[in-house]
Amino acid sequence: MASGLDSFVNHTVSIITSDGRNFIGTLKGFDQTINVIIDESHERVYSTTSGVEQVMLGLHIIRGDNVAIVGLIDDELDNRLNLANIKAEPLNSVVH
């Protein structure tokens, strides 16, 4: 997986962690164990009763053993989303 992340560096990514959290930010680096560094980041907290809350984090490091999925974000499409109107169940943790 690490070699596949090379093309994601300096692009906006979404990272889903094994505990069900969703982080968005600019991928600045990673290592062989998929520890990742994202900058200008925020966490999106989903709720069934209110819109998506964005918790600003800035520079953030996520341990590789907690990374479940890393994907590119289409900035243009993401900027058009009205997160205040999106309601969703939070993701559950991954059960091993």
PDB file of N, CA and C in Angstrom:
ATOM      1  N   MET A   1       0.824  -1.205   0.000  1.00  0.00           N
ATOM      2  CA  MET A   1       0.000   0.000   0.000  1.00  0.00           C
ATOM      3  C   MET A   1       0.860   1.258   0.000  1.00  0.00           C
ATOM      4  N   ALA A   2       1.993   1.233   0.685  1.00  0.00           N
ATOM      5  CA  ALA A   2       2.817   2.433   0.811  1.00  0.00           C
ATOM      6  C   ALA A   2       3.250   2.969  -0.544  1.00  0.00           C
ATOM      7  N   SER A   3       3.668   2.093  -1.441  1.00  0.00           N
ATOM      8  CA  SER A   3       4.111   2.568  -2.751  1.00  0.00           C
ATOM      9  C   SER A   3       2.968   3.197  -3.526  1.00  0.00           C
ATOM     10  N   GLY A   4       1.744   2.766  -3.301  1.00  0.00           N
ATOM     11  CA  GLY A   4       0.584   3.341  -3.962  1.00  0.00           C
ATOM     12  C   GLY A   4       0.255   4.737  -3.466  1.00  0.00           C
ATOM     13  N   LEU A   5       0.761   5.121  -2.311  1.00  0.00           N
ATOM     14  CA  LEU A   5       0.485   6.449  -1.765  1.00  0.00           C
ATOM     15  C   LEU A   5       1.389   7.531  -2.347  1.00  0.00           C
ATOM     16  N   ASP A   6       2.443   7.145  -3.056  1.00  0.00           N
ATOM     17  CA  ASP A   6       3.373   8.138  -3.611  1.00  0.00           C
ATOM     18  C   ASP A   6       2.650   9.191  -4.436  1.00  0.00           C
ATOM     19  N   SER A   7       1.695   8.781  -5.236  1.00  0.00           N
ATOM     20  CA  SER A   7       0.991   9.727  -6.109  1.00  0.00           C
ATOM     21  C   SER A   7      -0.011  10.594  -5.347  1.00  0.00           C
ATOM     22  N   PHE A   8      -0.292  10.267  -4.091  1.00  0.00           N
ATOM     23  CA  PHE A   8      -1.239  11.040  -3.283  1.00  0.00           C
ATOM     24  C   PHE A   8      -0.574  12.199  -2.540  1.00  0.00           C
ATOM     25  N   VAL A   9       0.765  12.191  -2.444  1.00  0.00           N
ATOM     26  CA  VAL A   9       1.481  13.231  -1.692  1.00  0.00           C
ATOM     27  C   VAL A   9       1.176  14.601  -2.292  1.00  0.00           C
ATOM     28  N   ASN A  10       0.901  15.571  -1.418  1.00  0.00           N
ATOM     29  CA  ASN A  10       0.536  16.953  -1.748  1.00  0.00           C
ATOM     30  C   ASN A  10      -0.836  17.074  -2.400  1.00  0.00           C
ATOM     31  N   HIS A  11      -1.676  16.047  -2.244  1.00  0.00           N
ATOM     32  CA  HIS A  11      -3.060  16.089  -2.702  1.00  0.00           C
ATOM     33  C   HIS A  11      -3.978  15.913  -1.495  1.00  0.00           C
ATOM     34  N   THR A  12      -5.223  16.333  -1.640  1.00  0.00           N
ATOM     35  CA  THR A  12      -6.202  16.187  -0.572  1.00  0.00           C
ATOM     36  C   THR A  12      -6.689  14.749  -0.522  1.00  0.00           C
ATOM     37  N   VAL A  13      -6.638  14.167   0.676  1.00  0.00           N
ATOM     38  CA  VAL A  13      -7.048  12.779   0.861  1.00  0.00           C
ATOM     39  C   VAL A  13      -8.093  12.677   1.975  1.00  0.00           C
ATOM     40  N   SER A  14      -8.837  11.599   1.927  1.00  0.00           N
ATOM     41  CA  SER A  14      -9.731  11.216   3.010  1.00  0.00           C
ATOM     42  C   SER A  14      -9.161   9.943   3.608  1.00  0.00           C
ATOM     43  N   ILE A  15      -9.032   9.916   4.931  1.00  0.00           N
ATOM     44  CA  ILE A  15      -8.508   8.745   5.619  1.00  0.00           C
ATOM     45  C   ILE A  15      -9.584   8.253   6.583  1.00  0.00           C
ATOM     46  N   ILE A  16      -9.986   7.008   6.397  1.00  0.00           N
ATOM     47  CA  ILE A  16     -10.918   6.360   7.316  1.00  0.00           C
ATOM     48  C   ILE A  16     -10.068   5.475   8.229  1.00  0.00           C
ATOM     49  N   THR A  17     -10.260   5.623   9.534  1.00  0.00           N
ATOM     50  CA  THR A  17      -9.487   4.843  10.490  1.00  0.00           C
ATOM     51  C   THR A  17     -10.287   3.630  10.951  1.00  0.00           C
ATOM     52  N   SER A  18      -9.591   2.695  11.556  1.00  0.00           N
ATOM     53  CA  SER A  18     -10.245   1.463  11.997  1.00  0.00           C
ATOM     54  C   SER A  18     -11.252   1.703  13.117  1.00  0.00           C
ATOM     55  N   ASP A  19     -11.191   2.861  13.778  1.00  0.00           N
ATOM     56  CA  ASP A  19     -12.196   3.177  14.791  1.00  0.00           C
ATOM     57  C   ASP A  19     -13.349   3.996  14.212  1.00  0.00           C
ATOM     58  N   GLY A  20     -13.404   4.125  12.869  1.00  0.00           N
ATOM     59  CA  GLY A  20     -14.543   4.743  12.195  1.00  0.00           C
ATOM     60  C   GLY A  20     -14.479   6.242  12.042  1.00  0.00           C
ATOM     61  N   ARG A  21     -13.328   6.852  12.266  1.00  0.00           N
ATOM     62  CA  ARG A  21     -13.204   8.303  12.112  1.00  0.00           C
ATOM     63  C   ARG A  21     -12.813   8.641  10.676  1.00  0.00           C
ATOM     64  N   ASN A  22     -13.171   9.864  10.231  1.00  0.00           N
ATOM     65  CA  ASN A  22     -12.888  10.316   8.864  1.00  0.00           C
ATOM     66  C   ASN A  22     -12.093  11.610   8.930  1.00  0.00           C
ATOM     67  N   PHE A  23     -10.856  11.559   8.458  1.00  0.00           N
ATOM     68  CA  PHE A  23      -9.977  12.723   8.439  1.00  0.00           C
ATOM     69  C   PHE A  23      -9.766  13.170   6.996  1.00  0.00           C
ATOM     70  N   ILE A  24      -9.799  14.485   6.772  1.00  0.00           N
ATOM     71  CA  ILE A  24      -9.557  15.073   5.456  1.00  0.00           C
ATOM     72  C   ILE A  24      -8.379  16.022   5.599  1.00  0.00           C
ATOM     73  N   GLY A  25      -7.432  15.964   4.657  1.00  0.00           N
ATOM     74  CA  GLY A  25      -6.301  16.883   4.701  1.00  0.00           C
ATOM     75  C   GLY A  25      -5.362  16.631   3.543  1.00  0.00           C
ATOM     76  N   THR A  26      -4.306  17.426   3.479  1.00  0.00           N
ATOM     77  CA  THR A  26      -3.286  17.293   2.440  1.00  0.00           C
ATOM     78  C   THR A  26      -2.223  16.316   2.910  1.00  0.00           C
ATOM     79  N   LEU A  27      -2.052  15.218   2.176  1.00  0.00           N
ATOM     80  CA  LEU A  27      -1.050  14.217   2.542  1.00  0.00           C
ATOM     81  C   LEU A  27       0.341  14.811   2.351  1.00  0.00           C
ATOM     82  N   LYS A  28       1.102  14.876   3.436  1.00  0.00           N
ATOM     83  CA  LYS A  28       2.454  15.434   3.371  1.00  0.00           C
ATOM     84  C   LYS A  28       3.527  14.361   3.394  1.00  0.00           C
ATOM     85  N   GLY A  29       3.202  13.201   3.944  1.00  0.00           N
ATOM     86  CA  GLY A  29       4.199  12.139   3.976  1.00  0.00           C
ATOM     87  C   GLY A  29       3.660  10.887   4.634  1.00  0.00           C
ATOM     88  N   PHE A  30       4.429   9.805   4.485  1.00  0.00           N
ATOM     89  CA  PHE A  30       4.072   8.509   5.064  1.00  0.00           C
ATOM     90  C   PHE A  30       5.341   7.680   5.139  1.00  0.00           C
ATOM     91  N   ASP A  31       5.283   6.591   5.894  1.00  0.00           N
ATOM     92  CA  ASP A  31       6.430   5.691   5.958  1.00  0.00           C
ATOM     93  C   ASP A  31       6.009   4.270   5.602  1.00  0.00           C
ATOM     94  N   GLN A  32       6.924   3.320   5.760  1.00  0.00           N
ATOM     95  CA  GLN A  32       6.670   1.947   5.333  1.00  0.00           C
ATOM     96  C   GLN A  32       5.568   1.261   6.136  1.00  0.00           C
ATOM     97  N   THR A  33       5.231   1.779   7.315  1.00  0.00           N
ATOM     98  CA  THR A  33       4.146   1.185   8.108  1.00  0.00           C
ATOM     99  C   THR A  33       2.858   1.988   7.980  1.00  0.00           C
ATOM    100  N   ILE A  34       2.785   2.848   6.989  1.00  0.00           N
ATOM    101  CA  ILE A  34       1.618   3.675   6.650  1.00  0.00           C
ATOM    102  C   ILE A  34       1.263   4.683   7.741  1.00  0.00           C
ATOM    103  N   ASN A  35       2.232   5.047   8.605  1.00  0.00           N
ATOM    104  CA  ASN A  35       2.005   6.216   9.443  1.00  0.00           C
ATOM    105  C   ASN A  35       1.897   7.383   8.469  1.00  0.00           C
ATOM    106  N   VAL A  36       0.857   8.207   8.593  1.00  0.00           N
ATOM    107  CA  VAL A  36       0.654   9.284   7.631  1.00  0.00           C
ATOM    108  C   VAL A  36       0.648  10.640   8.330  1.00  0.00           C
ATOM    109  N   ILE A  37       1.113  11.643   7.610  1.00  0.00           N
ATOM    110  CA  ILE A  37       1.101  13.025   8.075  1.00  0.00           C
ATOM    111  C   ILE A  37       0.213  13.807   7.126  1.00  0.00           C
ATOM    112  N   ILE A  38      -0.818  14.442   7.685  1.00  0.00           N
ATOM    113  CA  ILE A  38      -1.687  15.290   6.867  1.00  0.00           C
ATOM    114  C   ILE A  38      -1.672  16.701   7.441  1.00  0.00           C
ATOM    115  N   ASP A  39      -1.732  17.679   6.557  1.00  0.00           N
ATOM    116  CA  ASP A  39      -1.704  19.088   6.948  1.00  0.00           C
ATOM    117  C   ASP A  39      -3.021  19.738   6.556  1.00  0.00           C
ATOM    118  N   GLU A  40      -3.315  20.878   7.173  1.00  0.00           N
ATOM    119  CA  GLU A  40      -4.564  21.603   6.916  1.00  0.00           C
ATOM    120  C   GLU A  40      -5.741  20.630   7.040  1.00  0.00           C
ATOM    121  N   SER A  41      -5.715  19.829   8.094  1.00  0.00           N
ATOM    122  CA  SER A  41      -6.673  18.730   8.212  1.00  0.00           C
ATOM    123  C   SER A  41      -7.843  19.063   9.131  1.00  0.00           C
ATOM    124  N   HIS A  42      -8.885  18.279   8.958  1.00  0.00           N
ATOM    125  CA  HIS A  42     -10.041  18.337   9.843  1.00  0.00           C
ATOM    126  C   HIS A  42     -10.672  16.952   9.902  1.00  0.00           C
ATOM    127  N   GLU A  43     -11.410  16.722  10.984  1.00  0.00           N
ATOM    128  CA  GLU A  43     -12.164  15.487  11.122  1.00  0.00           C
ATOM    129  C   GLU A  43     -13.618  15.798  10.832  1.00  0.00           C
ATOM    130  N   ARG A  44     -14.260  14.940  10.062  1.00  0.00           N
ATOM    131  CA  ARG A  44     -15.690  15.082   9.800  1.00  0.00           C
ATOM    132  C   ARG A  44     -16.432  14.131  10.732  1.00  0.00           C
ATOM    133  N   VAL A  45     -17.298  14.712  11.561  1.00  0.00           N
ATOM    134  CA  VAL A  45     -18.073  13.929  12.523  1.00  0.00           C
ATOM    135  C   VAL A  45     -19.507  13.883  12.030  1.00  0.00           C
ATOM    136  N   TYR A  46     -20.000  12.676  11.763  1.00  0.00           N
ATOM    137  CA  TYR A  46     -21.328  12.479  11.198  1.00  0.00           C
ATOM    138  C   TYR A  46     -22.359  12.242  12.297  1.00  0.00           C
ATOM    139  N   SER A  47     -23.596  12.668  12.018  1.00  0.00           N
ATOM    140  CA  SER A  47     -24.686  12.537  12.971  1.00  0.00           C
ATOM    141  C   SER A  47     -25.985  12.302  12.204  1.00  0.00           C
ATOM    142  N   THR A  48     -26.913  11.593  12.827  1.00  0.00           N
ATOM    143  CA  THR A  48     -28.212  11.371  12.203  1.00  0.00           C
ATOM    144  C   THR A  48     -29.184  12.509  12.482  1.00  0.00           C
ATOM    145  N   THR A  49     -28.839  13.396  13.421  1.00  0.00           N
ATOM    146  CA  THR A  49     -29.759  14.466  13.802  1.00  0.00           C
ATOM    147  C   THR A  49     -29.325  15.852  13.335  1.00  0.00           C
ATOM    148  N   SER A  50     -28.033  16.040  13.098  1.00  0.00           N
ATOM    149  CA  SER A  50     -27.558  17.346  12.634  1.00  0.00           C
ATOM    150  C   SER A  50     -26.570  17.132  11.496  1.00  0.00           C
ATOM    151  N   GLY A  51     -26.166  18.218  10.868  1.00  0.00           N
ATOM    152  CA  GLY A  51     -25.233  18.118   9.744  1.00  0.00           C
ATOM    153  C   GLY A  51     -23.865  17.639  10.181  1.00  0.00           C
ATOM    154  N   VAL A  52     -22.981  17.519   9.220  1.00  0.00           N
ATOM    155  CA  VAL A  52     -21.622  17.059   9.480  1.00  0.00           C
ATOM    156  C   VAL A  52     -20.850  18.173  10.189  1.00  0.00           C
ATOM    157  N   GLU A  53     -20.258  17.826  11.323  1.00  0.00           N
ATOM    158  CA  GLU A  53     -19.416  18.783  12.057  1.00  0.00           C
ATOM    159  C   GLU A  53     -17.978  18.596  11.593  1.00  0.00           C
ATOM    160  N   GLN A  54     -17.271  19.705  11.360  1.00  0.00           N
ATOM    161  CA  GLN A  54     -15.865  19.638  10.974  1.00  0.00           C
ATOM    162  C   GLN A  54     -15.027  20.179  12.124  1.00  0.00           C
ATOM    163  N   VAL A  55     -14.160  19.318  12.657  1.00  0.00           N
ATOM    164  CA  VAL A  55     -13.281  19.686  13.760  1.00  0.00           C
ATOM    165  C   VAL A  55     -11.903  19.975  13.175  1.00  0.00           C
ATOM    166  N   MET A  56     -11.474  21.226  13.229  1.00  0.00           N
ATOM    167  CA  MET A  56     -10.199  21.622  12.640  1.00  0.00           C
ATOM    168  C   MET A  56      -9.038  21.064  13.470  1.00  0.00           C
ATOM    169  N   LEU A  57      -8.032  20.480  12.788  1.00  0.00           N
ATOM    170  CA  LEU A  57      -6.905  19.852  13.460  1.00  0.00           C
ATOM    171  C   LEU A  57      -5.558  20.447  13.063  1.00  0.00           C
ATOM    172  N   GLY A  58      -5.426  20.972  11.859  1.00  0.00           N
ATOM    173  CA  GLY A  58      -4.129  21.460  11.384  1.00  0.00           C
ATOM    174  C   GLY A  58      -3.242  20.300  10.979  1.00  0.00           C
ATOM    175  N   LEU A  59      -1.986  20.315  11.422  1.00  0.00           N
ATOM    176  CA  LEU A  59      -1.052  19.227  11.122  1.00  0.00           C
ATOM    177  C   LEU A  59      -1.392  18.041  12.020  1.00  0.00           C
ATOM    178  N   HIS A  60      -1.562  16.860  11.422  1.00  0.00           N
ATOM    179  CA  HIS A  60      -2.045  15.701  12.178  1.00  0.00           C
ATOM    180  C   HIS A  60      -1.312  14.449  11.717  1.00  0.00           C
ATOM    181  N   ILE A  61      -0.966  13.588  12.665  1.00  0.00           N
ATOM    182  CA  ILE A  61      -0.307  12.311  12.364  1.00  0.00           C
ATOM    183  C   ILE A  61      -1.253  11.179  12.749  1.00  0.00           C
ATOM    184  N   ILE A  62      -1.398  10.214  11.847  1.00  0.00           N
ATOM    185  CA  ILE A  62      -2.250   9.056  12.110  1.00  0.00           C
ATOM    186  C   ILE A  62      -1.375   7.807  12.036  1.00  0.00           C
ATOM    187  N   ARG A  63      -1.421   7.003  13.099  1.00  0.00           N
ATOM    188  CA  ARG A  63      -0.627   5.766  13.145  1.00  0.00           C
ATOM    189  C   ARG A  63      -1.087   4.788  12.070  1.00  0.00           C
ATOM    190  N   GLY A  64      -0.129   4.149  11.445  1.00  0.00           N
ATOM    191  CA  GLY A  64      -0.422   3.227  10.359  1.00  0.00           C
ATOM    192  C   GLY A  64      -1.305   2.063  10.741  1.00  0.00           C
ATOM    193  N   ASP A  65      -1.187   1.569  11.984  1.00  0.00           N
ATOM    194  CA  ASP A  65      -2.023   0.434  12.368  1.00  0.00           C
ATOM    195  C   ASP A  65      -3.477   0.828  12.583  1.00  0.00           C
ATOM    196  N   ASN A  66      -3.774   2.136  12.511  1.00  0.00           N
ATOM    197  CA  ASN A  66      -5.145   2.614  12.653  1.00  0.00           C
ATOM    198  C   ASN A  66      -5.753   3.023  11.311  1.00  0.00           C
ATOM    199  N   VAL A  67      -4.969   3.010  10.223  1.00  0.00           N
ATOM    200  CA  VAL A  67      -5.454   3.419   8.905  1.00  0.00           C
ATOM    201  C   VAL A  67      -6.168   2.245   8.239  1.00  0.00           C
ATOM    202  N   ALA A  68      -7.432   2.470   7.850  1.00  0.00           N
ATOM    203  CA  ALA A  68      -8.190   1.439   7.137  1.00  0.00           C
ATOM    204  C   ALA A  68      -8.230   1.727   5.640  1.00  0.00           C
ATOM    205  N   ILE A  69      -8.509   2.990   5.261  1.00  0.00           N
ATOM    206  CA  ILE A  69      -8.652   3.375   3.852  1.00  0.00           C
ATOM    207  C   ILE A  69      -8.056   4.758   3.645  1.00  0.00           C
ATOM    208  N   VAL A  70      -7.344   4.926   2.526  1.00  0.00           N
ATOM    209  CA  VAL A  70      -6.862   6.243   2.103  1.00  0.00           C
ATOM    210  C   VAL A  70      -7.348   6.451   0.673  1.00  0.00           C
ATOM    211  N   GLY A  71      -8.024   7.576   0.429  1.00  0.00           N
ATOM    212  CA  GLY A  71      -8.522   7.858  -0.914  1.00  0.00           C
ATOM    213  C   GLY A  71      -8.365   9.317  -1.271  1.00  0.00           C
ATOM    214  N   LEU A  72      -8.233   9.591  -2.562  1.00  0.00           N
ATOM    215  CA  LEU A  72      -8.137  10.972  -3.040  1.00  0.00           C
ATOM    216  C   LEU A  72      -9.492  11.654  -2.974  1.00  0.00           C
ATOM    217  N   ILE A  73      -9.475  12.956  -2.704  1.00  0.00           N
ATOM    218  CA  ILE A  73     -10.685  13.782  -2.681  1.00  0.00           C
ATOM    219  C   ILE A  73     -10.664  14.671  -3.916  1.00  0.00           C
ATOM    220  N   ASP A  74     -11.781  14.754  -4.605  1.00  0.00           N
ATOM    221  CA  ASP A  74     -11.952  15.704  -5.701  1.00  0.00           C
ATOM    222  C   ASP A  74     -12.313  17.040  -5.051  1.00  0.00           C
ATOM    223  N   ASP A  75     -11.348  17.966  -4.992  1.00  0.00           N
ATOM    224  CA  ASP A  75     -11.546  19.239  -4.278  1.00  0.00           C
ATOM    225  C   ASP A  75     -12.737  20.021  -4.816  1.00  0.00           C
ATOM    226  N   GLU A  76     -12.914  20.041  -6.115  1.00  0.00           N
ATOM    227  CA  GLU A  76     -14.017  20.801  -6.711  1.00  0.00           C
ATOM    228  C   GLU A  76     -15.367  20.241  -6.266  1.00  0.00           C
ATOM    229  N   LEU A  77     -15.498  18.934  -6.327  1.00  0.00           N
ATOM    230  CA  LEU A  77     -16.741  18.286  -5.908  1.00  0.00           C
ATOM    231  C   LEU A  77     -16.958  18.442  -4.400  1.00  0.00           C
ATOM    232  N   ASP A  78     -15.901  18.284  -3.623  1.00  0.00           N
ATOM    233  CA  ASP A  78     -15.999  18.387  -2.167  1.00  0.00           C
ATOM    234  C   ASP A  78     -16.415  19.796  -1.739  1.00  0.00           C
ATOM    235  N   ASN A  79     -15.928  20.818  -2.431  1.00  0.00           N
ATOM    236  CA  ASN A  79     -16.279  22.201  -2.097  1.00  0.00           C
ATOM    237  C   ASN A  79     -17.742  22.511  -2.384  1.00  0.00           C
ATOM    238  N   ARG A  80     -18.379  21.754  -3.275  1.00  0.00           N
ATOM    239  CA  ARG A  80     -19.783  21.981  -3.599  1.00  0.00           C
ATOM    240  C   ARG A  80     -20.735  21.320  -2.599  1.00  0.00           C
ATOM    241  N   LEU A  81     -20.215  20.436  -1.753  1.00  0.00           N
ATOM    242  CA  LEU A  81     -21.063  19.751  -0.779  1.00  0.00           C
ATOM    243  C   LEU A  81     -21.544  20.717   0.297  1.00  0.00           C
ATOM    244  N   ASN A  82     -22.813  20.613   0.653  1.00  0.00           N
ATOM    245  CA  ASN A  82     -23.355  21.374   1.779  1.00  0.00           C
ATOM    246  C   ASN A  82     -23.389  20.430   2.973  1.00  0.00           C
ATOM    247  N   LEU A  83     -22.309  20.417   3.750  1.00  0.00           N
ATOM    248  CA  LEU A  83     -22.167  19.470   4.845  1.00  0.00           C
ATOM    249  C   LEU A  83     -23.215  19.673   5.931  1.00  0.00           C
ATOM    250  N   ALA A  84     -23.785  20.870   6.031  1.00  0.00           N
ATOM    251  CA  ALA A  84     -24.806  21.134   7.045  1.00  0.00           C
ATOM    252  C   ALA A  84     -26.080  20.341   6.777  1.00  0.00           C
ATOM    253  N   ASN A  85     -26.301  19.939   5.537  1.00  0.00           N
ATOM    254  CA  ASN A  85     -27.505  19.192   5.176  1.00  0.00           C
ATOM    255  C   ASN A  85     -27.305  17.684   5.109  1.00  0.00           C
ATOM    256  N   ILE A  86     -26.074  17.225   5.304  1.00  0.00           N
ATOM    257  CA  ILE A  86     -25.786  15.795   5.207  1.00  0.00           C
ATOM    258  C   ILE A  86     -25.929  15.161   6.586  1.00  0.00           C
ATOM    259  N   LYS A  87     -26.794  14.161   6.661  1.00  0.00           N
ATOM    260  CA  LYS A  87     -26.983  13.417   7.905  1.00  0.00           C
ATOM    261  C   LYS A  87     -26.672  11.959   7.620  1.00  0.00           C
ATOM    262  N   ALA A  88     -25.914  11.334   8.522  1.00  0.00           N
ATOM    263  CA  ALA A  88     -25.522   9.942   8.314  1.00  0.00           C
ATOM    264  C   ALA A  88     -25.173   9.298   9.645  1.00  0.00           C
ATOM    265  N   GLU A  89     -25.287   7.989   9.681  1.00  0.00           N
ATOM    266  CA  GLU A  89     -24.846   7.226  10.845  1.00  0.00           C
ATOM    267  C   GLU A  89     -23.329   7.280  10.914  1.00  0.00           C
ATOM    268  N   PRO A  90     -22.760   7.497  12.097  1.00  0.00           N
ATOM    269  CA  PRO A  90     -21.301   7.388  12.213  1.00  0.00           C
ATOM    270  C   PRO A  90     -20.849   5.957  11.885  1.00  0.00           C
ATOM    271  N   LEU A  91     -19.631   5.822  11.368  1.00  0.00           N
ATOM    272  CA  LEU A  91     -19.094   4.496  11.057  1.00  0.00           C
ATOM    273  C   LEU A  91     -18.789   3.749  12.348  1.00  0.00           C
ATOM    274  N   ASN A  92     -18.984   2.448  12.328  1.00  0.00           N
ATOM    275  CA  ASN A  92     -18.615   1.610  13.466  1.00  0.00           C
ATOM    276  C   ASN A  92     -17.136   1.274  13.390  1.00  0.00           C
ATOM    277  N   SER A  93     -16.574   0.867  14.516  1.00  0.00           N
ATOM    278  CA  SER A  93     -15.192   0.418  14.556  1.00  0.00           C
ATOM    279  C   SER A  93     -15.059  -0.900  13.811  1.00  0.00           C
ATOM    280  N   VAL A  94     -13.860  -1.169  13.312  1.00  0.00           N
ATOM    281  CA  VAL A  94     -13.572  -2.437  12.661  1.00  0.00           C
ATOM    282  C   VAL A  94     -13.390  -3.485  13.753  1.00  0.00           C
ATOM    283  N   VAL A  95     -14.062  -4.622  13.592  1.00  0.00           N
ATOM    284  CA  VAL A  95     -13.937  -5.711  14.557  1.00  0.00           C
ATOM    285  C   VAL A  95     -13.025  -6.761  13.965  1.00  0.00           C
ATOM    286  N   HIS A  96     -11.982  -7.129  14.702  1.00  0.00           N
ATOM    287  CA  HIS A  96     -11.020  -8.131  14.206  1.00  0.00           C
ATOM    288  C   HIS A  96     -11.443  -9.512  14.616  1.00  0.00           C
TER     289      HIS A  96
END
